[in-house]
Protein backbone atom coordinates (compact mmCIF):
# COMPACT_ATOMS: atom_id res chain seq x y z
CA MET A 1 18.36 48.08 39.75
CA LYS A 2 15.35 45.73 39.57
CA THR A 3 15.37 46.16 36.05
CA VAL A 4 19.35 45.54 36.01
CA PHE A 5 18.71 42.22 37.63
CA SER A 6 15.94 41.63 35.52
CA LEU A 7 17.78 41.27 32.43
CA LEU A 8 20.81 39.57 33.71
CA LEU A 9 17.97 36.94 35.18
CA LEU A 10 16.38 37.09 31.65
CA ALA A 11 19.89 36.75 29.76
CA MET A 12 20.55 33.82 32.45
CA SER A 13 17.41 31.88 31.44
CA ILE A 14 18.37 32.66 27.60
CA CYS A 15 21.98 30.93 28.05
CA LEU A 16 20.38 27.62 30.18
CA PHE A 17 17.26 27.15 27.91
CA THR A 18 19.42 27.43 25.13
CA ALA A 19 22.22 25.07 26.94
CA CYS A 20 19.62 22.16 27.17
CA GLU A 21 18.93 22.50 23.61
CA ASP A 22 22.31 21.21 22.52
CA ASP A 23 21.84 18.44 25.04
CA ASN A 24 18.97 17.09 23.44
CA GLU A 25 20.30 17.17 20.03
CA THR A 26 23.82 15.81 21.36
CA GLN A 27 21.67 12.89 22.68
CA LEU A 28 19.58 12.38 18.95
CA SER A 29 23.00 12.71 17.31
CA ASN A 30 23.63 8.77 17.81
CA THR A 31 19.96 7.88 17.04
CA LEU A 32 18.31 6.55 13.63
CA ASN A 33 14.82 7.75 13.38
CA TYR A 34 12.38 9.47 10.87
CA ASP A 35 9.73 9.63 13.65
CA GLY A 36 8.27 12.00 16.93
CA ALA A 37 6.38 11.18 19.80
CA PRO A 38 4.36 8.00 20.53
CA PHE A 39 0.40 9.44 19.25
CA SER A 40 -1.35 6.32 18.13
CA GLY A 41 -0.31 3.33 15.98
CA PRO A 42 -2.52 1.17 12.91
CA VAL A 43 -4.93 -0.93 13.86
CA LEU A 44 -4.54 -4.42 11.99
CA PRO A 45 -5.83 -7.71 11.83
CA PHE A 46 -4.86 -11.18 13.05
CA GLY A 47 -2.05 -12.14 11.56
CA GLU A 48 1.59 -11.64 10.74
CA HIS A 49 2.92 -8.04 10.29
CA THR A 50 6.46 -6.77 9.92
CA PHE A 51 7.03 -2.91 10.75
CA ALA A 52 10.30 -1.49 9.52
CA VAL A 53 12.39 1.99 8.35
CA ARG A 54 14.77 1.84 5.75
CA PHE A 55 17.78 4.35 6.19
CA GLY A 56 19.69 4.54 3.14
CA GLU A 57 23.03 5.72 1.94
CA GLU A 58 22.78 9.63 2.69
CA GLU A 59 21.14 9.13 6.40
CA LEU A 60 24.54 6.40 6.88
CA ALA A 61 26.82 8.75 5.86
CA ASP A 62 27.39 10.45 8.87
CA TYR A 63 27.72 7.05 10.50
CA VAL A 64 30.25 4.86 9.17
CA GLY A 65 32.53 2.67 10.46
CA GLN A 66 30.19 2.95 13.42
CA PHE A 67 27.76 0.36 15.04
CA LEU A 68 24.24 -0.25 15.34
CA GLU A 69 23.95 -1.11 18.93
CA GLU A 70 20.20 -0.91 19.86
CA ILE A 71 16.77 -0.78 18.77
CA THR A 72 14.35 1.05 20.41
CA PHE A 73 10.26 0.69 19.47
CA TYR A 74 6.90 1.77 20.72
CA ALA A 75 4.65 -0.90 22.08
CA GLY A 76 0.85 -0.40 22.31
CA GLU A 77 -0.67 -3.12 23.20
CA GLU A 78 0.94 -6.86 23.82
CA PRO A 79 1.04 -8.77 20.50
CA GLU A 80 1.40 -12.89 20.62
CA THR A 81 4.76 -12.62 19.50
CA VAL A 82 7.27 -9.81 19.38
CA GLU A 83 10.61 -10.16 16.54
CA VAL A 84 13.07 -7.40 16.18
CA LEU A 85 14.81 -7.58 12.80
CA VAL A 86 17.62 -5.89 10.97
CA TYR A 87 18.15 -5.79 7.11
CA GLY A 88 20.93 -5.20 5.41
CA GLU A 89 20.97 -3.48 1.73
CA GLY A 90 18.06 -4.61 -1.00
CA THR A 91 16.32 -2.44 -3.26
CA ALA A 92 14.61 0.54 -2.96
CA THR A 93 11.45 -0.81 -1.62
CA THR A 94 12.45 -4.07 -0.69
CA PRO A 95 15.01 -5.72 2.14
CA GLY A 96 18.27 -7.24 1.57
CA ALA A 97 19.58 -10.68 3.42
CA GLN A 98 19.18 -10.35 7.43
CA LEU A 99 21.81 -9.83 9.49
CA TYR A 100 19.97 -9.92 13.11
CA SER A 101 16.90 -11.47 14.61
CA ALA A 102 15.88 -11.39 18.68
CA LYS A 103 12.55 -12.75 19.90
CA ILE A 104 11.50 -10.19 22.79
CA SER A 105 9.10 -10.74 25.93
CA GLY A 106 8.01 -8.66 28.78
CA LEU A 107 7.19 -5.75 26.93
CA SER A 108 6.43 -2.52 28.71
CA LEU A 109 3.40 -1.05 27.55
CA PRO A 110 2.36 0.71 26.55
CA ASP A 111 5.95 2.35 26.55
CA TRP A 112 9.09 2.40 24.77
CA ASN A 113 11.02 -0.70 24.59
CA ASP A 114 14.91 -1.37 24.24
CA HIS A 115 16.96 -4.29 22.92
CA SER A 116 20.50 -4.10 22.72
CA ILE A 117 21.84 -6.25 19.80
CA ALA A 118 24.08 -8.97 21.07
CA THR A 119 26.90 -8.63 18.51
CA PRO A 120 26.43 -4.25 17.31
CA ILE A 121 26.21 -3.95 13.38
CA GLU A 122 29.15 -2.45 11.32
CA ILE A 123 27.75 0.62 9.30
CA THR A 124 29.32 0.28 6.04
CA GLY A 125 26.73 3.02 4.39
CA ASP A 126 24.83 0.00 2.66
CA ASP A 127 21.15 0.20 3.40
CA LEU A 128 19.99 -0.54 7.11
CA TRP A 129 16.03 -1.81 7.14
CA LEU A 130 15.06 -1.87 11.65
CA ALA A 131 11.68 -4.28 11.81
CA VAL A 132 9.59 -5.16 14.54
CA LYS A 133 8.35 -8.64 13.67
CA VAL A 134 4.32 -8.87 15.34
CA LEU A 135 2.24 -11.56 15.50
CA HIS A 136 -1.69 -10.71 16.19
CA THR A 137 -4.09 -13.63 17.70
CA ALA A 138 -6.80 -10.27 17.01
CA THR A 139 -7.36 -6.98 15.44
CA GLN A 140 -4.87 -5.01 17.76
CA ARG A 141 -2.26 -1.90 18.22
CA SER A 142 0.84 -3.21 18.52
CA ILE A 143 3.63 -0.54 17.32
CA GLY A 144 3.15 3.09 18.08
CA CYS A 145 3.50 5.74 15.36
CA ASP A 146 3.78 9.49 15.30
CA GLU A 147 0.97 11.79 14.07
CA GLY A 148 2.99 12.56 10.95
CA PRO A 149 3.46 13.71 8.05
CA ASN A 150 5.00 10.76 6.64
CA GLN A 151 8.62 10.95 6.14
CA GLN A 152 10.19 8.68 2.77
CA ASP A 153 11.18 5.34 4.43
CA GLY A 154 9.68 5.78 8.05
CA ASP A 155 6.45 3.50 7.67
CA TRP A 156 7.57 0.35 5.76
CA LEU A 157 4.75 -2.78 5.94
CA PHE A 158 5.32 -6.00 5.63
CA ARG A 159 1.85 -9.02 5.74
CA ALA A 160 2.40 -12.42 5.35
CA ASP A 161 -0.97 -12.31 3.69
CA ASP A 162 1.03 -9.60 0.65
CA PRO A 163 4.06 -10.75 -0.30
CA ASN A 164 5.11 -7.16 -1.26
CA TRP A 165 6.58 -4.33 1.71
CA GLN A 166 4.47 -1.23 0.96
CA SER A 167 4.58 2.11 2.27
CA PHE A 168 1.35 2.58 5.20
CA SER A 169 0.50 5.68 3.73
CA ALA A 170 0.16 4.39 0.01
CA THR A 171 -2.03 1.83 1.22
CA THR A 172 -4.23 4.15 3.90
CA PRO A 173 -4.99 7.58 3.92
CA GLU A 174 -2.37 7.83 7.24
CA SER A 175 0.80 10.01 6.77
CA VAL A 176 2.97 8.27 10.34
CA ASN A 177 5.99 6.95 10.72
CA TRP A 178 6.92 4.00 12.73
CA ASN A 179 8.03 4.54 16.58
CA ILE A 180 11.22 2.43 16.03
CA ARG A 181 14.70 3.92 16.60
CA GLY A 182 18.48 2.40 15.96
CA LYS A 183 20.76 3.58 18.75
CA VAL A 184 24.60 3.98 16.87
CA SER A 185 28.09 4.25 18.99
CA GLU A 186 29.79 7.35 19.26
């Protein structure tokens, strides 16, 4: 009897665990992201830096006709200014036209910060670049990143002192993804 009860308890535990796993997958099914849990952040000098993740036709195919409603990012140390941006299709290495911009204040630190897009952006299948622009007044870690490995398009960086968008992993030995995510309506 004790063995049967133990087996029944084990079976129920497996079912509950599986149900929780499915719930988590459902919760993430409406999120555009390349990153894992926050691990660290790049140490960058004084100046303006724009961190971005690019989602192409393949990544957006299941979301065509839905809307980008929110951008979530992990902030480490508070920069002087923060702006959330969404760009449209450009090239594989440069975003296109700016579709949305909003200055952010009152960050939760170190923590995730959610920004609701005033007028949600329809997903048409064209590329979307989700970005966070910061101004540093000193060397600091303002944006979070996972511990990698880098996913293609998960670590774009534009610095005011360099006129080109570059993959962070192409310019450093780091292989990470920015903690920047987009929430899509269902």
